[in-house]
Amino acid sequence: MLYLIGGPPKCGKTTLAKALSKKLNIPWVASDTLEVVGREYASKYVSKKGLDKLYPHSACRGKTNDETYSLNTPEQIAKNYIQQSTATYPAIDMFSICEITDGNDSIIEGYHVTPQLANQVIKKYGRKHFHVLFLVKSDVEKFIHDVKKSSTPNDWILAKTKRPGTLHKIAEMICCYGKSISKNAKKYGFKILNMDNGFNEQIKKAVKLMSRNNTH
């Protein structure tokens, strides 16, 4: 069984993957890792311009969040994230079929896991092989309040953000991204959990949902 956990950044995907991994005693992999592998491979065959097209968020990212969000709107950055996720679909697909063929149980989490990707692999390999869940956030002010209290080591938001206005833009991007995920998750019939409130309780709920025999 493959457990796919998707959604925008900072919505609890890694926390859920770790909790589910511990409960089921199975490994998990971040789709960020699969992106790095795929990008390294692509760089040998694709021009710099081609890579920038495949990975638009990375291409437009500055040294700090303040720089990145001064050059792009939250909506554009969300769009770049979504477009960039598609470059990692083949790696997730390949990882999935290898695990299915070998009869392994694994968890894949990350923003690259989109409803479109989940629908694609389910159509190819069968629904019986997948459990799918998407985590989102939709409250901008609540996100800003919570992220300021983050205890995540080297939190990429707090470490690279100095301007209060940038925090607001990041929150807008994540909520905008969440709307797109929610829309498409509903389209394909996947479950969605809003993580705005009661984060720890929602994680427990998510673990229970993913541990059941049916995710649709």
C-alpha atoms as a PDB file:
ATOM      1  CA  MET A   1       0.000   0.000   0.000  1.00  0.00           C
ATOM      2  CA  LEU A   2       1.204   3.500  -0.866  1.00  0.00           C
ATOM      3  CA  TYR A   3       0.077   6.411   1.270  1.00  0.00           C
ATOM      4  CA  LEU A   4       0.057   9.707  -0.622  1.00  0.00           C
ATOM      5  CA  ILE A   5      -0.034  12.904   1.443  1.00  0.00           C
ATOM      6  CA  GLY A   6      -0.264  16.193  -0.451  1.00  0.00           C
ATOM      7  CA  GLY A   7      -1.016  19.874   0.013  1.00  0.00           C
ATOM      8  CA  PRO A   8       0.696  23.276   0.161  1.00  0.00           C
ATOM      9  CA  PRO A   9       3.843  23.913   2.214  1.00  0.00           C
ATOM     10  CA  LYS A  10       3.499  24.257   6.010  1.00  0.00           C
ATOM     11  CA  CYS A  11       0.228  22.347   6.341  1.00  0.00           C
ATOM     12  CA  GLY A  12       1.491  19.354   8.334  1.00  0.00           C
ATOM     13  CA  LYS A  13       2.383  16.833   5.635  1.00  0.00           C
ATOM     14  CA  THR A  14       5.748  15.867   7.138  1.00  0.00           C
ATOM     15  CA  THR A  15       4.311  15.721  10.660  1.00  0.00           C
ATOM     16  CA  LEU A  16       1.586  13.397   9.415  1.00  0.00           C
ATOM     17  CA  ALA A  17       4.050  11.245   7.455  1.00  0.00           C
ATOM     18  CA  LYS A  18       6.216  10.758  10.553  1.00  0.00           C
ATOM     19  CA  ALA A  19       3.215   9.918  12.757  1.00  0.00           C
ATOM     20  CA  LEU A  20       1.784   7.502  10.194  1.00  0.00           C
ATOM     21  CA  SER A  21       5.204   5.921   9.643  1.00  0.00           C
ATOM     22  CA  LYS A  22       5.516   5.296  13.372  1.00  0.00           C
ATOM     23  CA  LYS A  23       2.003   3.866  13.678  1.00  0.00           C
ATOM     24  CA  LEU A  24       2.263   1.540  10.663  1.00  0.00           C
ATOM     25  CA  ASN A  25       6.001   0.858  11.025  1.00  0.00           C
ATOM     26  CA  ILE A  26       6.671   1.662   7.368  1.00  0.00           C
ATOM     27  CA  PRO A  27       9.144   4.076   5.682  1.00  0.00           C
ATOM     28  CA  TRP A  28       8.310   7.481   4.259  1.00  0.00           C
ATOM     29  CA  VAL A  29       9.934   9.649   1.633  1.00  0.00           C
ATOM     30  CA  ALA A  30       9.609  13.367   0.950  1.00  0.00           C
ATOM     31  CA  SER A  31       8.763  14.240  -2.634  1.00  0.00           C
ATOM     32  CA  ASP A  32      11.369  17.019  -2.277  1.00  0.00           C
ATOM     33  CA  THR A  33      13.961  14.236  -2.309  1.00  0.00           C
ATOM     34  CA  LEU A  34      12.495  12.788  -5.489  1.00  0.00           C
ATOM     35  CA  GLU A  35      12.567  16.285  -7.032  1.00  0.00           C
ATOM     36  CA  VAL A  36      16.279  16.658  -6.262  1.00  0.00           C
ATOM     37  CA  VAL A  37      17.015  13.299  -7.901  1.00  0.00           C
ATOM     38  CA  GLY A  38      14.863  14.131 -10.925  1.00  0.00           C
ATOM     39  CA  ARG A  39      16.363  17.600 -11.303  1.00  0.00           C
ATOM     40  CA  GLU A  40      19.916  16.260 -11.137  1.00  0.00           C
ATOM     41  CA  TYR A  41      19.073  13.768 -13.884  1.00  0.00           C
ATOM     42  CA  ALA A  42      17.287  16.393 -16.017  1.00  0.00           C
ATOM     43  CA  SER A  43      20.205  18.827 -15.711  1.00  0.00           C
ATOM     44  CA  LYS A  44      22.371  16.461 -17.756  1.00  0.00           C
ATOM     45  CA  TYR A  45      20.003  16.624 -20.723  1.00  0.00           C
ATOM     46  CA  VAL A  46      18.120  19.926 -20.467  1.00  0.00           C
ATOM     47  CA  SER A  47      19.400  23.486 -20.935  1.00  0.00           C
ATOM     48  CA  LYS A  48      19.311  26.078 -18.142  1.00  0.00           C
ATOM     49  CA  LYS A  49      16.310  27.638 -19.849  1.00  0.00           C
ATOM     50  CA  GLY A  50      14.621  24.262 -20.018  1.00  0.00           C
ATOM     51  CA  LEU A  51      15.284  23.613 -16.332  1.00  0.00           C
ATOM     52  CA  ASP A  52      13.833  26.998 -15.402  1.00  0.00           C
ATOM     53  CA  LYS A  53      10.690  26.089 -17.314  1.00  0.00           C
ATOM     54  CA  LEU A  54      10.434  22.750 -15.502  1.00  0.00           C
ATOM     55  CA  TYR A  55      11.146  24.298 -12.102  1.00  0.00           C
ATOM     56  CA  PRO A  56       9.676  27.828 -12.227  1.00  0.00           C
ATOM     57  CA  HIS A  57       9.485  28.282  -8.466  1.00  0.00           C
ATOM     58  CA  SER A  58      13.171  27.492  -8.027  1.00  0.00           C
ATOM     59  CA  ALA A  59      13.999  29.768 -10.975  1.00  0.00           C
ATOM     60  CA  CYS A  60      12.141  32.719  -9.449  1.00  0.00           C
ATOM     61  CA  ARG A  61      13.225  32.196  -5.858  1.00  0.00           C
ATOM     62  CA  GLY A  62      15.479  34.830  -4.321  1.00  0.00           C
ATOM     63  CA  LYS A  63      17.984  34.464  -1.486  1.00  0.00           C
ATOM     64  CA  THR A  64      15.288  35.488   1.010  1.00  0.00           C
ATOM     65  CA  ASN A  65      11.519  35.271   1.115  1.00  0.00           C
ATOM     66  CA  ASP A  66      11.406  39.062   1.188  1.00  0.00           C
ATOM     67  CA  GLU A  67      13.180  39.129  -2.178  1.00  0.00           C
ATOM     68  CA  THR A  68      11.064  36.335  -3.664  1.00  0.00           C
ATOM     69  CA  TYR A  69       7.755  37.885  -2.644  1.00  0.00           C
ATOM     70  CA  SER A  70       8.787  41.359  -3.769  1.00  0.00           C
ATOM     71  CA  LEU A  71       9.278  40.035  -7.307  1.00  0.00           C
ATOM     72  CA  ASN A  72       6.192  37.779  -7.545  1.00  0.00           C
ATOM     73  CA  THR A  73       2.604  37.881  -6.323  1.00  0.00           C
ATOM     74  CA  PRO A  74       1.361  35.176  -3.927  1.00  0.00           C
ATOM     75  CA  GLU A  75      -0.886  33.915  -6.727  1.00  0.00           C
ATOM     76  CA  GLN A  76       2.022  33.616  -9.161  1.00  0.00           C
ATOM     77  CA  ILE A  77       4.177  31.794  -6.618  1.00  0.00           C
ATOM     78  CA  ALA A  78       1.342  29.346  -5.924  1.00  0.00           C
ATOM     79  CA  LYS A  79       1.019  28.822  -9.674  1.00  0.00           C
ATOM     80  CA  ASN A  80       4.783  28.224  -9.928  1.00  0.00           C
ATOM     81  CA  TYR A  81       4.648  25.645  -7.144  1.00  0.00           C
ATOM     82  CA  ILE A  82       1.820  23.809  -8.891  1.00  0.00           C
ATOM     83  CA  GLN A  83       3.603  23.868 -12.251  1.00  0.00           C
ATOM     84  CA  GLN A  84       6.896  22.770 -10.692  1.00  0.00           C
ATOM     85  CA  SER A  85       5.211  19.798  -8.997  1.00  0.00           C
ATOM     86  CA  THR A  86       4.479  18.252 -12.398  1.00  0.00           C
ATOM     87  CA  ALA A  87       8.204  17.846 -13.124  1.00  0.00           C
ATOM     88  CA  THR A  88       8.395  15.316 -10.292  1.00  0.00           C
ATOM     89  CA  TYR A  89       5.349  13.274 -11.360  1.00  0.00           C
ATOM     90  CA  PRO A  90       7.495  10.743 -13.303  1.00  0.00           C
ATOM     91  CA  ALA A  91       9.744  10.143 -10.283  1.00  0.00           C
ATOM     92  CA  ILE A  92       6.746   9.607  -7.993  1.00  0.00           C
ATOM     93  CA  ASP A  93       5.192   7.343 -10.614  1.00  0.00           C
ATOM     94  CA  MET A  94       8.381   5.269 -10.894  1.00  0.00           C
ATOM     95  CA  PHE A  95       8.772   5.068  -7.123  1.00  0.00           C
ATOM     96  CA  SER A  96       5.150   3.936  -6.849  1.00  0.00           C
ATOM     97  CA  ILE A  97       5.346   1.112  -9.375  1.00  0.00           C
ATOM     98  CA  CYS A  98       8.640  -0.128  -7.894  1.00  0.00           C
ATOM     99  CA  GLU A  99       7.094  -0.304  -4.423  1.00  0.00           C
ATOM    100  CA  ILE A 100       3.918  -1.934  -5.744  1.00  0.00           C
ATOM    101  CA  THR A 101       5.893  -4.512  -7.740  1.00  0.00           C
ATOM    102  CA  ASP A 102       8.042  -5.375  -4.721  1.00  0.00           C
ATOM    103  CA  GLY A 103       4.999  -5.522  -2.437  1.00  0.00           C
ATOM    104  CA  ASN A 104       6.280  -2.770  -0.150  1.00  0.00           C
ATOM    105  CA  ASP A 105       4.269  -0.304   1.935  1.00  0.00           C
ATOM    106  CA  SER A 106       5.527   3.292   1.818  1.00  0.00           C
ATOM    107  CA  ILE A 107       4.458   6.876   2.455  1.00  0.00           C
ATOM    108  CA  ILE A 108       5.121   9.690  -0.031  1.00  0.00           C
ATOM    109  CA  GLU A 109       4.526  13.234   1.194  1.00  0.00           C
ATOM    110  CA  GLY A 110       5.056  16.638  -0.318  1.00  0.00           C
ATOM    111  CA  TYR A 111       3.604  19.468  -2.350  1.00  0.00           C
ATOM    112  CA  HIS A 112       4.366  17.492  -5.523  1.00  0.00           C
ATOM    113  CA  VAL A 113       1.622  15.041  -4.514  1.00  0.00           C
ATOM    114  CA  THR A 114      -1.356  16.736  -6.172  1.00  0.00           C
ATOM    115  CA  PRO A 115      -4.865  15.441  -6.867  1.00  0.00           C
ATOM    116  CA  GLN A 116      -3.937  15.215 -10.544  1.00  0.00           C
ATOM    117  CA  LEU A 117      -0.896  13.050  -9.742  1.00  0.00           C
ATOM    118  CA  ALA A 118      -2.872  10.824  -7.363  1.00  0.00           C
ATOM    119  CA  ASN A 119      -5.586  10.346  -9.966  1.00  0.00           C
ATOM    120  CA  GLN A 120      -2.946   9.528 -12.588  1.00  0.00           C
ATOM    121  CA  VAL A 121      -1.211   6.765 -10.608  1.00  0.00           C
ATOM    122  CA  ILE A 122      -4.505   5.304  -9.390  1.00  0.00           C
ATOM    123  CA  LYS A 123      -5.703   5.016 -12.984  1.00  0.00           C
ATOM    124  CA  LYS A 124      -2.445   3.309 -13.999  1.00  0.00           C
ATOM    125  CA  TYR A 125      -1.952   0.928 -11.088  1.00  0.00           C
ATOM    126  CA  GLY A 126      -5.340   0.557  -9.392  1.00  0.00           C
ATOM    127  CA  ARG A 127      -7.071   2.236  -6.478  1.00  0.00           C
ATOM    128  CA  LYS A 128      -6.420  -0.748  -4.194  1.00  0.00           C
ATOM    129  CA  HIS A 129      -2.756   0.236  -3.992  1.00  0.00           C
ATOM    130  CA  PHE A 130      -3.279   3.797  -2.698  1.00  0.00           C
ATOM    131  CA  HIS A 131      -4.525   5.745   0.285  1.00  0.00           C
ATOM    132  CA  VAL A 132      -4.705   9.490  -0.427  1.00  0.00           C
ATOM    133  CA  LEU A 133      -5.190  12.555   1.774  1.00  0.00           C
ATOM    134  CA  PHE A 134      -4.664  16.292   1.260  1.00  0.00           C
ATOM    135  CA  LEU A 135      -3.949  18.839   4.010  1.00  0.00           C
ATOM    136  CA  VAL A 136      -4.734  22.528   3.473  1.00  0.00           C
ATOM    137  CA  LYS A 137      -5.017  25.830   5.299  1.00  0.00           C
ATOM    138  CA  SER A 138      -7.378  28.690   4.443  1.00  0.00           C
ATOM    139  CA  ASP A 139      -7.113  31.284   7.239  1.00  0.00           C
ATOM    140  CA  VAL A 140      -4.408  33.856   6.462  1.00  0.00           C
ATOM    141  CA  GLU A 141      -4.383  35.548   9.877  1.00  0.00           C
ATOM    142  CA  LYS A 142      -4.378  32.230  11.754  1.00  0.00           C
ATOM    143  CA  PHE A 143      -1.433  31.046   9.678  1.00  0.00           C
ATOM    144  CA  ILE A 144       0.567  34.190  10.474  1.00  0.00           C
ATOM    145  CA  HIS A 145      -0.215  33.828  14.174  1.00  0.00           C
ATOM    146  CA  ASP A 146       0.810  30.168  14.255  1.00  0.00           C
ATOM    147  CA  VAL A 147       3.959  30.383  12.121  1.00  0.00           C
ATOM    148  CA  LYS A 148       5.447  32.959  14.487  1.00  0.00           C
ATOM    149  CA  LYS A 149       5.358  30.277  17.203  1.00  0.00           C
ATOM    150  CA  SER A 150       6.924  27.594  15.010  1.00  0.00           C
ATOM    151  CA  SER A 151       9.436  25.318  16.728  1.00  0.00           C
ATOM    152  CA  THR A 152      10.562  23.685  13.476  1.00  0.00           C
ATOM    153  CA  PRO A 153      14.389  23.691  13.278  1.00  0.00           C
ATOM    154  CA  ASN A 154      15.597  26.080  10.549  1.00  0.00           C
ATOM    155  CA  ASP A 155      12.021  26.948   9.610  1.00  0.00           C
ATOM    156  CA  TRP A 156      12.332  28.258   6.023  1.00  0.00           C
ATOM    157  CA  ILE A 157       9.740  30.964   6.640  1.00  0.00           C
ATOM    158  CA  LEU A 158      11.147  32.439   9.847  1.00  0.00           C
ATOM    159  CA  ALA A 159      14.791  31.981   8.832  1.00  0.00           C
ATOM    160  CA  LYS A 160      14.438  33.864   5.553  1.00  0.00           C
ATOM    161  CA  THR A 161      11.767  36.456   6.336  1.00  0.00           C
ATOM    162  CA  LYS A 162      12.365  39.846   7.959  1.00  0.00           C
ATOM    163  CA  ARG A 163       9.434  41.937   6.727  1.00  0.00           C
ATOM    164  CA  PRO A 164       6.008  41.445   8.371  1.00  0.00           C
ATOM    165  CA  GLY A 165       4.353  42.087   5.025  1.00  0.00           C
ATOM    166  CA  THR A 166       6.155  39.105   3.533  1.00  0.00           C
ATOM    167  CA  LEU A 167       4.640  36.782   6.145  1.00  0.00           C
ATOM    168  CA  HIS A 168       1.220  37.949   5.013  1.00  0.00           C
ATOM    169  CA  LYS A 169       2.087  37.263   1.380  1.00  0.00           C
ATOM    170  CA  ILE A 170       3.372  33.770   2.225  1.00  0.00           C
ATOM    171  CA  ALA A 171       0.137  33.053   4.083  1.00  0.00           C
ATOM    172  CA  GLU A 172      -1.848  34.286   1.074  1.00  0.00           C
ATOM    173  CA  MET A 173       0.156  32.014  -1.219  1.00  0.00           C
ATOM    174  CA  ILE A 174      -0.447  28.950   0.948  1.00  0.00           C
ATOM    175  CA  CYS A 175      -4.177  29.648   1.182  1.00  0.00           C
ATOM    176  CA  CYS A 176      -4.374  30.300  -2.566  1.00  0.00           C
ATOM    177  CA  TYR A 177      -2.539  27.042  -3.207  1.00  0.00           C
ATOM    178  CA  GLY A 178      -4.922  25.313  -0.801  1.00  0.00           C
ATOM    179  CA  LYS A 179      -7.943  26.475  -2.789  1.00  0.00           C
ATOM    180  CA  SER A 180      -6.535  24.875  -5.935  1.00  0.00           C
ATOM    181  CA  ILE A 181      -5.754  21.627  -4.084  1.00  0.00           C
ATOM    182  CA  SER A 182      -9.221  21.525  -2.507  1.00  0.00           C
ATOM    183  CA  LYS A 183     -10.961  22.158  -5.820  1.00  0.00           C
ATOM    184  CA  ASN A 184      -9.142  19.347  -7.586  1.00  0.00           C
ATOM    185  CA  ALA A 185      -9.280  16.957  -4.637  1.00  0.00           C
ATOM    186  CA  LYS A 186     -13.064  17.311  -4.640  1.00  0.00           C
ATOM    187  CA  LYS A 187     -13.089  16.809  -8.402  1.00  0.00           C
ATOM    188  CA  TYR A 188     -11.353  13.442  -8.069  1.00  0.00           C
ATOM    189  CA  GLY A 189     -13.057  12.411  -4.833  1.00  0.00           C
ATOM    190  CA  PHE A 190     -10.088  12.607  -2.444  1.00  0.00           C
ATOM    191  CA  LYS A 191     -10.379  13.469   1.230  1.00  0.00           C
ATOM    192  CA  ILE A 192      -9.209  16.875   2.484  1.00  0.00           C
ATOM    193  CA  LEU A 193      -8.454  18.054   6.012  1.00  0.00           C
ATOM    194  CA  ASN A 194      -8.287  21.740   6.937  1.00  0.00           C
ATOM    195  CA  MET A 195      -5.417  22.264   9.379  1.00  0.00           C
ATOM    196  CA  ASP A 196      -6.216  25.825  10.506  1.00  0.00           C
ATOM    197  CA  ASN A 197      -7.437  24.830  13.950  1.00  0.00           C
ATOM    198  CA  GLY A 198      -6.600  22.057  16.398  1.00  0.00           C
ATOM    199  CA  PHE A 199      -3.479  21.013  14.503  1.00  0.00           C
ATOM    200  CA  ASN A 200      -2.508  18.125  16.779  1.00  0.00           C
ATOM    201  CA  GLU A 201      -6.032  16.756  16.850  1.00  0.00           C
ATOM    202  CA  GLN A 202      -6.260  17.014  13.076  1.00  0.00           C
ATOM    203  CA  ILE A 203      -3.020  15.067  12.742  1.00  0.00           C
ATOM    204  CA  LYS A 204      -4.480  12.308  14.949  1.00  0.00           C
ATOM    205  CA  LYS A 205      -7.614  12.340  12.805  1.00  0.00           C
ATOM    206  CA  ALA A 206      -5.502  12.149   9.642  1.00  0.00           C
ATOM    207  CA  VAL A 207      -3.589   9.126  10.962  1.00  0.00           C
ATOM    208  CA  LYS A 208      -6.894   7.361  11.624  1.00  0.00           C
ATOM    209  CA  LEU A 209      -8.196   8.234   8.165  1.00  0.00           C
ATOM    210  CA  MET A 210      -5.054   6.990   6.451  1.00  0.00           C
ATOM    211  CA  SER A 211      -5.035   3.796   8.495  1.00  0.00           C
ATOM    212  CA  ARG A 212      -8.462   2.741   7.295  1.00  0.00           C
ATOM    213  CA  ASN A 213      -9.000   0.373   4.396  1.00  0.00           C
ATOM    214  CA  ASN A 214     -10.769   2.970   2.228  1.00  0.00           C
ATOM    215  CA  THR A 215      -9.696   6.564   1.512  1.00  0.00           C
ATOM    216  CA  HIS A 216     -12.431   7.526  -0.955  1.00  0.00           C
END
